[in-house]
Amino acid sequence: MNSLPELFAMDGHGPYVWSAYAITFAVLALNVVQPWLARRRLVSVEARRRRREVA
């Protein structure tokens, strides 16, 4: 492959290959972000519950 457009085209297979990469990276990102958000939400709910018990 001598040029960037050839790299992206990949002899006609480019859209399939690059969409597969995009979907894979999206799923990996969700696997990182989703537990992080759930933990933040859990900590927030627990802190609210503790404040309620003290008051």
Protein backbone atom coordinates (compact mmCIF):
# COMPACT_ATOMS: atom_id res chain seq x y z
CA MET A 1 0.00 0.00 0.00
CA ASN A 2 1.60 3.15 -1.19
CA SER A 3 -0.90 5.82 -0.23
CA LEU A 4 -3.35 6.71 2.48
CA PRO A 5 -6.44 6.38 0.23
CA GLU A 6 -5.33 2.86 -0.70
CA LEU A 7 -4.99 2.05 2.99
CA PHE A 8 -8.55 3.20 3.69
CA ALA A 9 -10.01 1.52 0.59
CA MET A 10 -8.29 -1.86 1.20
CA ASP A 11 -9.20 -3.15 -2.26
CA GLY A 12 -12.91 -2.52 -1.66
CA HIS A 13 -13.00 -4.06 1.80
CA GLY A 14 -12.32 -0.79 3.61
CA PRO A 15 -15.86 0.06 4.74
CA TYR A 16 -16.30 -3.38 6.32
CA VAL A 17 -12.89 -3.38 7.98
CA TRP A 18 -13.06 0.16 9.33
CA SER A 19 -16.64 -0.22 10.55
CA ALA A 20 -15.59 -3.41 12.38
CA TYR A 21 -12.76 -1.48 14.04
CA ALA A 22 -15.14 1.35 14.97
CA ILE A 23 -17.69 -1.03 16.51
CA THR A 24 -14.96 -2.84 18.44
CA PHE A 25 -13.55 0.36 19.88
CA ALA A 26 -17.07 1.59 20.76
CA VAL A 27 -17.79 -1.63 22.67
CA LEU A 28 -14.43 -1.41 24.46
CA ALA A 29 -15.14 2.20 25.41
CA LEU A 30 -18.55 1.22 26.77
CA ASN A 31 -16.93 -1.56 28.80
CA VAL A 32 -14.76 1.07 30.47
CA VAL A 33 -17.23 3.93 30.83
CA GLN A 34 -20.34 2.04 31.95
CA PRO A 35 -18.88 0.54 35.18
CA TRP A 36 -17.23 3.86 35.99
CA LEU A 37 -20.57 5.68 35.71
CA ALA A 38 -22.34 2.97 37.71
CA ARG A 39 -19.77 3.27 40.49
CA ARG A 40 -20.14 7.05 40.61
CA ARG A 41 -23.91 6.65 40.80
CA LEU A 42 -23.63 4.04 43.58
CA VAL A 43 -21.27 6.21 45.63
CA SER A 44 -23.61 9.17 45.23
CA VAL A 45 -26.68 7.17 46.30
CA GLU A 46 -24.81 5.71 49.28
CA ALA A 47 -23.60 9.15 50.39
CA ARG A 48 -27.16 10.48 50.17
CA ARG A 49 -28.43 7.53 52.22
CA ARG A 50 -25.80 8.09 54.92
CA ARG A 51 -26.61 11.80 55.13
CA ARG A 52 -30.28 10.92 55.53
CA GLU A 53 -29.51 8.45 58.35
CA VAL A 54 -27.41 10.99 60.25
CA ALA A 55 -30.08 13.69 60.03
